[in-house]
Amino acid sequence: MPAATAYDLDALEIERVTVEFLAKHPDPIGQFVSVVAGPEHPLAAVARAVERQIFEEAFGNDADTMAAEYGPYENRSLFFVVLDRRRGMPAGAGRIIEGHGAEVKTIHDAPAYI
């Protein structure tokens, strides 16, 4: 797992990383920008925090659970982060895990639900 694997960034750190990224990539057109980030990019930690917040609300997954569930897939994950320029905060995030067969979390987890 990359050293930057954190699922529990606090709101101030999320805002700091987001604002810092937006300052380095100014573009006055549109409220939202979509960014693809590799697993070691600072925005990947923001995406993980958003992901954990949603999964915690929906399934009760805390930071430790997320690390246990997704840790094996970190090096093959790409994160899609939507940033709100006006608020300087993320508006959403998603993850794609590269691979095939049992290397993909959905395929790996499916037998338990069939």
PDB file of N, CA and C in Angstrom:
ATOM      1  N   MET A   1       0.843  -1.181   0.000  1.00  0.00           N
ATOM      2  CA  MET A   1       0.000   0.000   0.000  1.00  0.00           C
ATOM      3  C   MET A   1       0.884   1.239   0.000  1.00  0.00           C
ATOM      4  N   PRO A   2       0.450   2.289  -0.720  1.00  0.00           N
ATOM      5  CA  PRO A   2       1.211   3.524  -0.676  1.00  0.00           C
ATOM      6  C   PRO A   2       1.212   4.113   0.730  1.00  0.00           C
ATOM      7  N   ALA A   3       2.278   4.830   1.050  1.00  0.00           N
ATOM      8  CA  ALA A   3       2.380   5.446   2.374  1.00  0.00           C
ATOM      9  C   ALA A   3       1.258   6.447   2.614  1.00  0.00           C
ATOM     10  N   ALA A   4       0.703   7.027   1.555  1.00  0.00           N
ATOM     11  CA  ALA A   4      -0.307   8.073   1.686  1.00  0.00           C
ATOM     12  C   ALA A   4      -1.719   7.516   1.857  1.00  0.00           C
ATOM     13  N   THR A   5      -1.861   6.232   2.156  1.00  0.00           N
ATOM     14  CA  THR A   5      -3.181   5.635   2.277  1.00  0.00           C
ATOM     15  C   THR A   5      -3.824   6.058   3.583  1.00  0.00           C
ATOM     16  N   ALA A   6      -4.705   7.037   3.502  1.00  0.00           N
ATOM     17  CA  ALA A   6      -5.409   7.542   4.682  1.00  0.00           C
ATOM     18  C   ALA A   6      -6.893   7.653   4.347  1.00  0.00           C
ATOM     19  N   TYR A   7      -7.719   7.132   5.216  1.00  0.00           N
ATOM     20  CA  TYR A   7      -9.164   7.200   5.020  1.00  0.00           C
ATOM     21  C   TYR A   7      -9.820   8.141   6.017  1.00  0.00           C
ATOM     22  N   ASP A   8      -9.020   8.746   6.879  1.00  0.00           N
ATOM     23  CA  ASP A   8      -9.592   9.530   7.961  1.00  0.00           C
ATOM     24  C   ASP A   8      -9.093  10.971   7.996  1.00  0.00           C
ATOM     25  N   LEU A   9      -8.880  11.570   6.824  1.00  0.00           N
ATOM     26  CA  LEU A   9      -8.489  12.979   6.818  1.00  0.00           C
ATOM     27  C   LEU A   9      -9.589  13.813   7.455  1.00  0.00           C
ATOM     28  N   ASP A  10      -9.204  14.792   8.256  1.00  0.00           N
ATOM     29  CA  ASP A  10     -10.226  15.662   8.830  1.00  0.00           C
ATOM     30  C   ASP A  10     -10.597  16.742   7.809  1.00  0.00           C
ATOM     31  N   ALA A  11     -11.660  17.454   8.088  1.00  0.00           N
ATOM     32  CA  ALA A  11     -12.192  18.444   7.145  1.00  0.00           C
ATOM     33  C   ALA A  11     -11.164  19.519   6.793  1.00  0.00           C
ATOM     34  N   LEU A  12     -10.361  19.940   7.745  1.00  0.00           N
ATOM     35  CA  LEU A  12      -9.351  20.968   7.461  1.00  0.00           C
ATOM     36  C   LEU A  12      -8.284  20.472   6.498  1.00  0.00           C
ATOM     37  N   GLU A  13      -7.862  19.214   6.638  1.00  0.00           N
ATOM     38  CA  GLU A  13      -6.855  18.651   5.738  1.00  0.00           C
ATOM     39  C   GLU A  13      -7.455  18.437   4.349  1.00  0.00           C
ATOM     40  N   ILE A  14      -8.690  17.995   4.280  1.00  0.00           N
ATOM     41  CA  ILE A  14      -9.370  17.841   2.989  1.00  0.00           C
ATOM     42  C   ILE A  14      -9.423  19.184   2.281  1.00  0.00           C
ATOM     43  N   GLU A  15      -9.811  20.219   3.015  1.00  0.00           N
ATOM     44  CA  GLU A  15      -9.887  21.554   2.422  1.00  0.00           C
ATOM     45  C   GLU A  15      -8.503  22.052   2.002  1.00  0.00           C
ATOM     46  N   ARG A  16      -7.493  21.828   2.829  1.00  0.00           N
ATOM     47  CA  ARG A  16      -6.139  22.285   2.506  1.00  0.00           C
ATOM     48  C   ARG A  16      -5.636  21.653   1.211  1.00  0.00           C
ATOM     49  N   VAL A  17      -5.771  20.341   1.090  1.00  0.00           N
ATOM     50  CA  VAL A  17      -5.301  19.646  -0.109  1.00  0.00           C
ATOM     51  C   VAL A  17      -6.077  20.119  -1.335  1.00  0.00           C
ATOM     52  N   THR A  18      -7.380  20.270  -1.189  1.00  0.00           N
ATOM     53  CA  THR A  18      -8.226  20.696  -2.304  1.00  0.00           C
ATOM     54  C   THR A  18      -7.877  22.106  -2.758  1.00  0.00           C
ATOM     55  N   VAL A  19      -7.790  23.040  -1.825  1.00  0.00           N
ATOM     56  CA  VAL A  19      -7.477  24.430  -2.152  1.00  0.00           C
ATOM     57  C   VAL A  19      -6.082  24.535  -2.766  1.00  0.00           C
ATOM     58  N   GLU A  20      -5.132  23.786  -2.222  1.00  0.00           N
ATOM     59  CA  GLU A  20      -3.771  23.798  -2.766  1.00  0.00           C
ATOM     60  C   GLU A  20      -3.764  23.302  -4.216  1.00  0.00           C
ATOM     61  N   PHE A  21      -4.496  22.227  -4.494  1.00  0.00           N
ATOM     62  CA  PHE A  21      -4.568  21.715  -5.868  1.00  0.00           C
ATOM     63  C   PHE A  21      -5.206  22.748  -6.791  1.00  0.00           C
ATOM     64  N   LEU A  22      -6.330  23.319  -6.368  1.00  0.00           N
ATOM     65  CA  LEU A  22      -7.019  24.301  -7.209  1.00  0.00           C
ATOM     66  C   LEU A  22      -6.159  25.531  -7.469  1.00  0.00           C
ATOM     67  N   ALA A  23      -5.372  25.955  -6.492  1.00  0.00           N
ATOM     68  CA  ALA A  23      -4.484  27.114  -6.675  1.00  0.00           C
ATOM     69  C   ALA A  23      -3.411  26.826  -7.723  1.00  0.00           C
ATOM     70  N   LYS A  24      -2.976  25.596  -7.805  1.00  0.00           N
ATOM     71  CA  LYS A  24      -1.952  25.213  -8.788  1.00  0.00           C
ATOM     72  C   LYS A  24      -2.533  24.979 -10.176  1.00  0.00           C
ATOM     73  N   HIS A  25      -3.848  24.840 -10.251  1.00  0.00           N
ATOM     74  CA  HIS A  25      -4.520  24.556 -11.519  1.00  0.00           C
ATOM     75  C   HIS A  25      -5.710  25.501 -11.697  1.00  0.00           C
ATOM     76  N   PRO A  26      -5.433  26.793 -11.789  1.00  0.00           N
ATOM     77  CA  PRO A  26      -6.549  27.742 -11.923  1.00  0.00           C
ATOM     78  C   PRO A  26      -7.214  27.635 -13.296  1.00  0.00           C
ATOM     79  N   ASP A  27      -8.503  27.727 -13.286  1.00  0.00           N
ATOM     80  CA  ASP A  27      -9.290  27.729 -14.512  1.00  0.00           C
ATOM     81  C   ASP A  27     -10.616  28.384 -14.159  1.00  0.00           C
ATOM     82  N   PRO A  28     -10.856  29.558 -14.668  1.00  0.00           N
ATOM     83  CA  PRO A  28     -12.048  30.301 -14.244  1.00  0.00           C
ATOM     84  C   PRO A  28     -13.366  29.788 -14.808  1.00  0.00           C
ATOM     85  N   ILE A  29     -13.345  28.757 -15.645  1.00  0.00           N
ATOM     86  CA  ILE A  29     -14.573  28.288 -16.285  1.00  0.00           C
ATOM     87  C   ILE A  29     -15.197  27.153 -15.481  1.00  0.00           C
ATOM     88  N   GLY A  30     -16.426  27.355 -15.051  1.00  0.00           N
ATOM     89  CA  GLY A  30     -17.184  26.307 -14.389  1.00  0.00           C
ATOM     90  C   GLY A  30     -16.925  26.200 -12.895  1.00  0.00           C
ATOM     91  N   GLN A  31     -17.947  25.730 -12.199  1.00  0.00           N
ATOM     92  CA  GLN A  31     -17.857  25.562 -10.751  1.00  0.00           C
ATOM     93  C   GLN A  31     -17.118  24.286 -10.371  1.00  0.00           C
ATOM     94  N   PHE A  32     -17.231  23.256 -11.199  1.00  0.00           N
ATOM     95  CA  PHE A  32     -16.670  21.954 -10.855  1.00  0.00           C
ATOM     96  C   PHE A  32     -15.552  21.555 -11.806  1.00  0.00           C
ATOM     97  N   VAL A  33     -14.619  20.806 -11.278  1.00  0.00           N
ATOM     98  CA  VAL A  33     -13.547  20.232 -12.088  1.00  0.00           C
ATOM     99  C   VAL A  33     -13.400  18.771 -11.662  1.00  0.00           C
ATOM    100  N   SER A  34     -13.158  17.915 -12.642  1.00  0.00           N
ATOM    101  CA  SER A  34     -12.945  16.503 -12.364  1.00  0.00           C
ATOM    102  C   SER A  34     -11.470  16.181 -12.557  1.00  0.00           C
ATOM    103  N   VAL A  35     -10.917  15.439 -11.607  1.00  0.00           N
ATOM    104  CA  VAL A  35      -9.495  15.115 -11.607  1.00  0.00           C
ATOM    105  C   VAL A  35      -9.344  13.603 -11.457  1.00  0.00           C
ATOM    106  N   VAL A  36      -8.417  13.029 -12.209  1.00  0.00           N
ATOM    107  CA  VAL A  36      -8.055  11.627 -12.035  1.00  0.00           C
ATOM    108  C   VAL A  36      -6.728  11.609 -11.293  1.00  0.00           C
ATOM    109  N   ALA A  37      -6.685  10.887 -10.185  1.00  0.00           N
ATOM    110  CA  ALA A  37      -5.486  10.856  -9.346  1.00  0.00           C
ATOM    111  C   ALA A  37      -5.041   9.414  -9.118  1.00  0.00           C
ATOM    112  N   GLY A  38      -3.742   9.200  -9.233  1.00  0.00           N
ATOM    113  CA  GLY A  38      -3.164   7.898  -8.910  1.00  0.00           C
ATOM    114  C   GLY A  38      -3.139   7.693  -7.406  1.00  0.00           C
ATOM    115  N   PRO A  39      -2.811   6.491  -6.955  1.00  0.00           N
ATOM    116  CA  PRO A  39      -2.926   6.153  -5.538  1.00  0.00           C
ATOM    117  C   PRO A  39      -2.024   6.948  -4.593  1.00  0.00           C
ATOM    118  N   GLU A  40      -0.969   7.553  -5.095  1.00  0.00           N
ATOM    119  CA  GLU A  40      -0.069   8.301  -4.209  1.00  0.00           C
ATOM    120  C   GLU A  40      -0.241   9.820  -4.318  1.00  0.00           C
ATOM    121  N   HIS A  41      -1.125  10.267  -5.178  1.00  0.00           N
ATOM    122  CA  HIS A  41      -1.387  11.701  -5.323  1.00  0.00           C
ATOM    123  C   HIS A  41      -2.135  12.205  -4.084  1.00  0.00           C
ATOM    124  N   PRO A  42      -1.851  13.418  -3.627  1.00  0.00           N
ATOM    125  CA  PRO A  42      -2.564  13.947  -2.448  1.00  0.00           C
ATOM    126  C   PRO A  42      -4.089  13.928  -2.581  1.00  0.00           C
ATOM    127  N   LEU A  43      -4.608  14.102  -3.804  1.00  0.00           N
ATOM    128  CA  LEU A  43      -6.063  14.063  -3.965  1.00  0.00           C
ATOM    129  C   LEU A  43      -6.628  12.654  -3.782  1.00  0.00           C
ATOM    130  N   ALA A  44      -5.789  11.633  -3.909  1.00  0.00           N
ATOM    131  CA  ALA A  44      -6.257  10.275  -3.643  1.00  0.00           C
ATOM    132  C   ALA A  44      -6.666  10.139  -2.175  1.00  0.00           C
ATOM    133  N   ALA A  45      -5.933  10.775  -1.286  1.00  0.00           N
ATOM    134  CA  ALA A  45      -6.293  10.744   0.136  1.00  0.00           C
ATOM    135  C   ALA A  45      -7.621  11.460   0.367  1.00  0.00           C
ATOM    136  N   VAL A  46      -7.858  12.534  -0.374  1.00  0.00           N
ATOM    137  CA  VAL A  46      -9.147  13.234  -0.295  1.00  0.00           C
ATOM    138  C   VAL A  46     -10.253  12.299  -0.779  1.00  0.00           C
ATOM    139  N   ALA A  47     -10.011  11.633  -1.908  1.00  0.00           N
ATOM    140  CA  ALA A  47     -11.014  10.697  -2.440  1.00  0.00           C
ATOM    141  C   ALA A  47     -11.295   9.571  -1.451  1.00  0.00           C
ATOM    142  N   ARG A  48     -10.248   9.041  -0.825  1.00  0.00           N
ATOM    143  CA  ARG A  48     -10.444   7.977   0.165  1.00  0.00           C
ATOM    144  C   ARG A  48     -11.287   8.468   1.345  1.00  0.00           C
ATOM    145  N   ALA A  49     -11.045   9.691   1.779  1.00  0.00           N
ATOM    146  CA  ALA A  49     -11.812  10.245   2.905  1.00  0.00           C
ATOM    147  C   ALA A  49     -13.283  10.403   2.529  1.00  0.00           C
ATOM    148  N   VAL A  50     -13.550  10.872   1.315  1.00  0.00           N
ATOM    149  CA  VAL A  50     -14.937  11.005   0.847  1.00  0.00           C
ATOM    150  C   VAL A  50     -15.566   9.617   0.742  1.00  0.00           C
ATOM    151  N   GLU A  51     -14.819   8.685   0.158  1.00  0.00           N
ATOM    152  CA  GLU A  51     -15.288   7.309   0.021  1.00  0.00           C
ATOM    153  C   GLU A  51     -15.640   6.726   1.392  1.00  0.00           C
ATOM    154  N   ARG A  52     -14.747   6.911   2.368  1.00  0.00           N
ATOM    155  CA  ARG A  52     -14.989   6.397   3.712  1.00  0.00           C
ATOM    156  C   ARG A  52     -16.213   7.042   4.351  1.00  0.00           C
ATOM    157  N   GLN A  53     -16.389   8.341   4.157  1.00  0.00           N
ATOM    158  CA  GLN A  53     -17.556   9.019   4.734  1.00  0.00           C
ATOM    159  C   GLN A  53     -18.851   8.405   4.201  1.00  0.00           C
ATOM    160  N   ILE A  54     -18.905   8.162   2.905  1.00  0.00           N
ATOM    161  CA  ILE A  54     -20.106   7.575   2.295  1.00  0.00           C
ATOM    162  C   ILE A  54     -20.301   6.131   2.763  1.00  0.00           C
ATOM    163  N   PHE A  55     -19.207   5.342   2.750  1.00  0.00           N
ATOM    164  CA  PHE A  55     -19.308   3.945   3.168  1.00  0.00           C
ATOM    165  C   PHE A  55     -19.613   3.828   4.663  1.00  0.00           C
ATOM    166  N   GLU A  56     -19.129   4.757   5.450  1.00  0.00           N
ATOM    167  CA  GLU A  56     -19.435   4.717   6.879  1.00  0.00           C
ATOM    168  C   GLU A  56     -20.919   4.992   7.108  1.00  0.00           C
ATOM    169  N   GLU A  57     -21.441   5.972   6.384  1.00  0.00           N
ATOM    170  CA  GLU A  57     -22.861   6.293   6.517  1.00  0.00           C
ATOM    171  C   GLU A  57     -23.738   5.140   6.035  1.00  0.00           C
ATOM    172  N   ALA A  58     -23.364   4.532   4.908  1.00  0.00           N
ATOM    173  CA  ALA A  58     -24.189   3.478   4.318  1.00  0.00           C
ATOM    174  C   ALA A  58     -23.993   2.111   4.956  1.00  0.00           C
ATOM    175  N   PHE A  59     -22.730   1.772   5.315  1.00  0.00           N
ATOM    176  CA  PHE A  59     -22.432   0.415   5.757  1.00  0.00           C
ATOM    177  C   PHE A  59     -21.746   0.323   7.115  1.00  0.00           C
ATOM    178  N   GLY A  60     -21.417   1.471   7.715  1.00  0.00           N
ATOM    179  CA  GLY A  60     -20.723   1.457   8.999  1.00  0.00           C
ATOM    180  C   GLY A  60     -19.220   1.227   8.891  1.00  0.00           C
ATOM    181  N   ASN A  61     -18.644   1.370   7.696  1.00  0.00           N
ATOM    182  CA  ASN A  61     -17.209   1.139   7.504  1.00  0.00           C
ATOM    183  C   ASN A  61     -16.396   2.315   8.016  1.00  0.00           C
ATOM    184  N   ASP A  62     -15.586   2.078   9.041  1.00  0.00           N
ATOM    185  CA  ASP A  62     -14.695   3.128   9.536  1.00  0.00           C
ATOM    186  C   ASP A  62     -13.379   3.082   8.749  1.00  0.00           C
ATOM    187  N   ALA A  63     -12.432   3.933   9.123  1.00  0.00           N
ATOM    188  CA  ALA A  63     -11.157   4.032   8.407  1.00  0.00           C
ATOM    189  C   ALA A  63     -10.403   2.708   8.417  1.00  0.00           C
ATOM    190  N   ASP A  64     -10.406   2.006   9.530  1.00  0.00           N
ATOM    191  CA  ASP A  64      -9.706   0.722   9.608  1.00  0.00           C
ATOM    192  C   ASP A  64     -10.346  -0.321   8.696  1.00  0.00           C
ATOM    193  N   THR A  65     -11.667  -0.345   8.652  1.00  0.00           N
ATOM    194  CA  THR A  65     -12.370  -1.284   7.779  1.00  0.00           C
ATOM    195  C   THR A  65     -12.067  -0.990   6.319  1.00  0.00           C
ATOM    196  N   MET A  66     -12.084   0.293   5.965  1.00  0.00           N
ATOM    197  CA  MET A  66     -11.780   0.666   4.581  1.00  0.00           C
ATOM    198  C   MET A  66     -10.363   0.266   4.200  1.00  0.00           C
ATOM    199  N   ALA A  67      -9.413   0.483   5.099  1.00  0.00           N
ATOM    200  CA  ALA A  67      -8.025   0.105   4.818  1.00  0.00           C
ATOM    201  C   ALA A  67      -7.906  -1.413   4.645  1.00  0.00           C
ATOM    202  N   ALA A  68      -8.608  -2.160   5.457  1.00  0.00           N
ATOM    203  CA  ALA A  68      -8.561  -3.620   5.345  1.00  0.00           C
ATOM    204  C   ALA A  68      -9.218  -4.097   4.050  1.00  0.00           C
ATOM    205  N   GLU A  69     -10.341  -3.491   3.689  1.00  0.00           N
ATOM    206  CA  GLU A  69     -11.079  -3.900   2.491  1.00  0.00           C
ATOM    207  C   GLU A  69     -10.392  -3.487   1.190  1.00  0.00           C
ATOM    208  N   TYR A  70      -9.850  -2.273   1.167  1.00  0.00           N
ATOM    209  CA  TYR A  70      -9.311  -1.729  -0.087  1.00  0.00           C
ATOM    210  C   TYR A  70      -7.791  -1.699  -0.149  1.00  0.00           C
ATOM    211  N   GLY A  71      -7.121  -1.955   0.961  1.00  0.00           N
ATOM    212  CA  GLY A  71      -5.663  -1.957   0.983  1.00  0.00           C
ATOM    213  C   GLY A  71      -5.031  -2.819  -0.092  1.00  0.00           C
ATOM    214  N   PRO A  72      -5.531  -4.041  -0.293  1.00  0.00           N
ATOM    215  CA  PRO A  72      -4.922  -4.892  -1.325  1.00  0.00           C
ATOM    216  C   PRO A  72      -5.051  -4.346  -2.750  1.00  0.00           C
ATOM    217  N   TYR A  73      -5.933  -3.371  -2.944  1.00  0.00           N
ATOM    218  CA  TYR A  73      -6.199  -2.840  -4.276  1.00  0.00           C
ATOM    219  C   TYR A  73      -5.619  -1.443  -4.502  1.00  0.00           C
ATOM    220  N   GLU A  74      -4.997  -0.886  -3.493  1.00  0.00           N
ATOM    221  CA  GLU A  74      -4.520   0.498  -3.561  1.00  0.00           C
ATOM    222  C   GLU A  74      -3.586   0.771  -4.743  1.00  0.00           C
ATOM    223  N   ASN A  75      -2.628  -0.107  -4.972  1.00  0.00           N
ATOM    224  CA  ASN A  75      -1.645   0.146  -6.030  1.00  0.00           C
ATOM    225  C   ASN A  75      -2.252   0.089  -7.424  1.00  0.00           C
ATOM    226  N   ARG A  76      -3.459  -0.471  -7.540  1.00  0.00           N
ATOM    227  CA  ARG A  76      -4.129  -0.561  -8.837  1.00  0.00           C
ATOM    228  C   ARG A  76      -5.366   0.322  -8.909  1.00  0.00           C
ATOM    229  N   SER A  77      -5.484   1.258  -7.969  1.00  0.00           N
ATOM    230  CA  SER A  77      -6.652   2.141  -7.925  1.00  0.00           C
ATOM    231  C   SER A  77      -6.375   3.477  -8.589  1.00  0.00           C
ATOM    232  N   LEU A  78      -7.368   3.950  -9.319  1.00  0.00           N
ATOM    233  CA  LEU A  78      -7.392   5.321  -9.824  1.00  0.00           C
ATOM    234  C   LEU A  78      -8.593   5.991  -9.188  1.00  0.00           C
ATOM    235  N   PHE A  79      -8.405   7.221  -8.767  1.00  0.00           N
ATOM    236  CA  PHE A  79      -9.459   7.955  -8.082  1.00  0.00           C
ATOM    237  C   PHE A  79      -9.960   9.096  -8.956  1.00  0.00           C
ATOM    238  N   PHE A  80     -11.250   9.201  -9.067  1.00  0.00           N
ATOM    239  CA  PHE A  80     -11.896  10.298  -9.776  1.00  0.00           C
ATOM    240  C   PHE A  80     -12.477  11.213  -8.711  1.00  0.00           C
ATOM    241  N   VAL A  81     -12.005  12.442  -8.691  1.00  0.00           N
ATOM    242  CA  VAL A  81     -12.414  13.396  -7.670  1.00  0.00           C
ATOM    243  C   VAL A  81     -13.050  14.597  -8.362  1.00  0.00           C
ATOM    244  N   VAL A  82     -14.233  14.958  -7.923  1.00  0.00           N
ATOM    245  CA  VAL A  82     -14.889  16.171  -8.423  1.00  0.00           C
ATOM    246  C   VAL A  82     -14.698  17.236  -7.358  1.00  0.00           C
ATOM    247  N   LEU A  83     -14.090  18.349  -7.768  1.00  0.00           N
ATOM    248  CA  LEU A  83     -13.822  19.452  -6.847  1.00  0.00           C
ATOM    249  C   LEU A  83     -14.749  20.617  -7.144  1.00  0.00           C
ATOM    250  N   ASP A  84     -15.266  21.209  -6.091  1.00  0.00           N
ATOM    251  CA  ASP A  84     -16.113  22.399  -6.183  1.00  0.00           C
ATOM    252  C   ASP A  84     -15.207  23.610  -6.009  1.00  0.00           C
ATOM    253  N   ARG A  85     -14.996  24.358  -7.087  1.00  0.00           N
ATOM    254  CA  ARG A  85     -14.095  25.516  -7.051  1.00  0.00           C
ATOM    255  C   ARG A  85     -14.591  26.596  -6.090  1.00  0.00           C
ATOM    256  N   ARG A  86     -15.893  26.806  -6.042  1.00  0.00           N
ATOM    257  CA  ARG A  86     -16.440  27.882  -5.197  1.00  0.00           C
ATOM    258  C   ARG A  86     -16.269  27.584  -3.716  1.00  0.00           C
ATOM    259  N   ARG A  87     -16.504  26.365  -3.334  1.00  0.00           N
ATOM    260  CA  ARG A  87     -16.400  25.979  -1.924  1.00  0.00           C
ATOM    261  C   ARG A  87     -14.992  25.561  -1.525  1.00  0.00           C
ATOM    262  N   GLY A  88     -14.162  25.205  -2.517  1.00  0.00           N
ATOM    263  CA  GLY A  88     -12.823  24.715  -2.206  1.00  0.00           C
ATOM    264  C   GLY A  88     -12.855  23.379  -1.495  1.00  0.00           C
ATOM    265  N   MET A  89     -13.825  22.547  -1.867  1.00  0.00           N
ATOM    266  CA  MET A  89     -14.009  21.240  -1.231  1.00  0.00           C
ATOM    267  C   MET A  89     -14.375  20.204  -2.295  1.00  0.00           C
ATOM    268  N   PRO A  90     -14.183  18.925  -1.980  1.00  0.00           N
ATOM    269  CA  PRO A  90     -14.617  17.901  -2.924  1.00  0.00           C
ATOM    270  C   PRO A  90     -16.140  17.830  -2.967  1.00  0.00           C
ATOM    271  N   ALA A  91     -16.659  17.541  -4.160  1.00  0.00           N
ATOM    272  CA  ALA A  91     -18.099  17.366  -4.322  1.00  0.00           C
ATOM    273  C   ALA A  91     -18.459  15.895  -4.490  1.00  0.00           C
ATOM    274  N   GLY A  92     -17.460  15.076  -4.780  1.00  0.00           N
ATOM    275  CA  GLY A  92     -17.703  13.650  -4.945  1.00  0.00           C
ATOM    276  C   GLY A  92     -16.415  12.938  -5.303  1.00  0.00           C
ATOM    277  N   ALA A  93     -16.453  11.625  -5.227  1.00  0.00           N
ATOM    278  CA  ALA A  93     -15.270  10.828  -5.551  1.00  0.00           C
ATOM    279  C   ALA A  93     -15.696   9.416  -5.916  1.00  0.00           C
ATOM    280  N   GLY A  94     -14.864   8.776  -6.703  1.00  0.00           N
ATOM    281  CA  GLY A  94     -15.077   7.380  -7.072  1.00  0.00           C
ATOM    282  C   GLY A  94     -13.737   6.711  -7.294  1.00  0.00           C
ATOM    283  N   ARG A  95     -13.759   5.410  -7.324  1.00  0.00           N
ATOM    284  CA  ARG A  95     -12.525   4.632  -7.484  1.00  0.00           C
ATOM    285  C   ARG A  95     -12.751   3.589  -8.569  1.00  0.00           C
ATOM    286  N   ILE A  96     -11.734   3.414  -9.385  1.00  0.00           N
ATOM    287  CA  ILE A  96     -11.699   2.318 -10.345  1.00  0.00           C
ATOM    288  C   ILE A  96     -10.468   1.490 -10.018  1.00  0.00           C
ATOM    289  N   ILE A  97     -10.657   0.187  -9.940  1.00  0.00           N
ATOM    290  CA  ILE A  97      -9.551  -0.725  -9.652  1.00  0.00           C
ATOM    291  C   ILE A  97      -9.184  -1.426 -10.953  1.00  0.00           C
ATOM    292  N   GLU A  98      -7.950  -1.228 -11.379  1.00  0.00           N
ATOM    293  CA  GLU A  98      -7.475  -1.859 -12.601  1.00  0.00           C
ATOM    294  C   GLU A  98      -7.164  -3.325 -12.331  1.00  0.00           C
ATOM    295  N   GLY A  99      -7.438  -4.155 -13.305  1.00  0.00           N
ATOM    296  CA  GLY A  99      -7.146  -5.568 -13.183  1.00  0.00           C
ATOM    297  C   GLY A  99      -8.208  -6.394 -13.876  1.00  0.00           C
ATOM    298  N   HIS A 100      -8.157  -7.695 -13.655  1.00  0.00           N
ATOM    299  CA  HIS A 100      -9.154  -8.583 -14.231  1.00  0.00           C
ATOM    300  C   HIS A 100      -9.360  -9.773 -13.300  1.00  0.00           C
ATOM    301  N   GLY A 101     -10.497 -10.402 -13.434  1.00  0.00           N
ATOM    302  CA  GLY A 101     -10.805 -11.566 -12.610  1.00  0.00           C
ATOM    303  C   GLY A 101     -10.796 -11.252 -11.127  1.00  0.00           C
ATOM    304  N   ALA A 102     -10.190 -12.132 -10.346  1.00  0.00           N
ATOM    305  CA  ALA A 102     -10.170 -11.991  -8.888  1.00  0.00           C
ATOM    306  C   ALA A 102      -9.357 -10.786  -8.429  1.00  0.00           C
ATOM    307  N   GLU A 103      -8.610 -10.137  -9.345  1.00  0.00           N
ATOM    308  CA  GLU A 103      -7.860  -8.930  -8.988  1.00  0.00           C
ATOM    309  C   GLU A 103      -8.786  -7.733  -8.764  1.00  0.00           C
ATOM    310  N   VAL A 104     -10.033  -7.854  -9.188  1.00  0.00           N
ATOM    311  CA  VAL A 104     -10.999  -6.765  -9.058  1.00  0.00           C
ATOM    312  C   VAL A 104     -11.871  -7.035  -7.835  1.00  0.00           C
ATOM    313  N   LYS A 105     -12.010  -6.060  -6.980  1.00  0.00           N
ATOM    314  CA  LYS A 105     -12.725  -6.250  -5.712  1.00  0.00           C
ATOM    315  C   LYS A 105     -14.154  -6.748  -5.915  1.00  0.00           C
ATOM    316  N   THR A 106     -14.861  -6.227  -6.874  1.00  0.00           N
ATOM    317  CA  THR A 106     -16.243  -6.645  -7.107  1.00  0.00           C
ATOM    318  C   THR A 106     -16.307  -8.141  -7.429  1.00  0.00           C
ATOM    319  N   ILE A 107     -15.395  -8.610  -8.272  1.00  0.00           N
ATOM    320  CA  ILE A 107     -15.356 -10.035  -8.634  1.00  0.00           C
ATOM    321  C   ILE A 107     -14.939 -10.868  -7.411  1.00  0.00           C
ATOM    322  N   HIS A 108     -13.977 -10.363  -6.676  1.00  0.00           N
ATOM    323  CA  HIS A 108     -13.491 -11.071  -5.481  1.00  0.00           C
ATOM    324  C   HIS A 108     -14.608 -11.213  -4.444  1.00  0.00           C
ATOM    325  N   ASP A 109     -15.398 -10.158  -4.255  1.00  0.00           N
ATOM    326  CA  ASP A 109     -16.447 -10.156  -3.227  1.00  0.00           C
ATOM    327  C   ASP A 109     -17.731 -10.861  -3.664  1.00  0.00           C
ATOM    328  N   ALA A 110     -17.979 -10.982  -4.974  1.00  0.00           N
ATOM    329  CA  ALA A 110     -19.256 -11.472  -5.490  1.00  0.00           C
ATOM    330  C   ALA A 110     -19.686 -12.832  -4.948  1.00  0.00           C
ATOM    331  N   PRO A 111     -18.794 -13.840  -4.863  1.00  0.00           N
ATOM    332  CA  PRO A 111     -19.266 -15.155  -4.400  1.00  0.00           C
ATOM    333  C   PRO A 111     -19.969 -15.137  -3.049  1.00  0.00           C
ATOM    334  N   ALA A 112     -19.593 -14.246  -2.177  1.00  0.00           N
ATOM    335  CA  ALA A 112     -20.242 -14.173  -0.868  1.00  0.00           C
ATOM    336  C   ALA A 112     -21.704 -13.719  -0.961  1.00  0.00           C
ATOM    337  N   TYR A 113     -22.072 -13.101  -2.088  1.00  0.00           N
ATOM    338  CA  TYR A 113     -23.426 -12.573  -2.251  1.00  0.00           C
ATOM    339  C   TYR A 113     -24.266 -13.376  -3.233  1.00  0.00           C
ATOM    340  N   ILE A 114     -23.691 -14.453  -3.765  1.00  0.00           N
ATOM    341  CA  ILE A 114     -24.423 -15.268  -4.736  1.00  0.00           C
ATOM    342  C   ILE A 114     -25.056 -16.446  -4.006  1.00  0.00           C
TER     343      ILE A 114
END
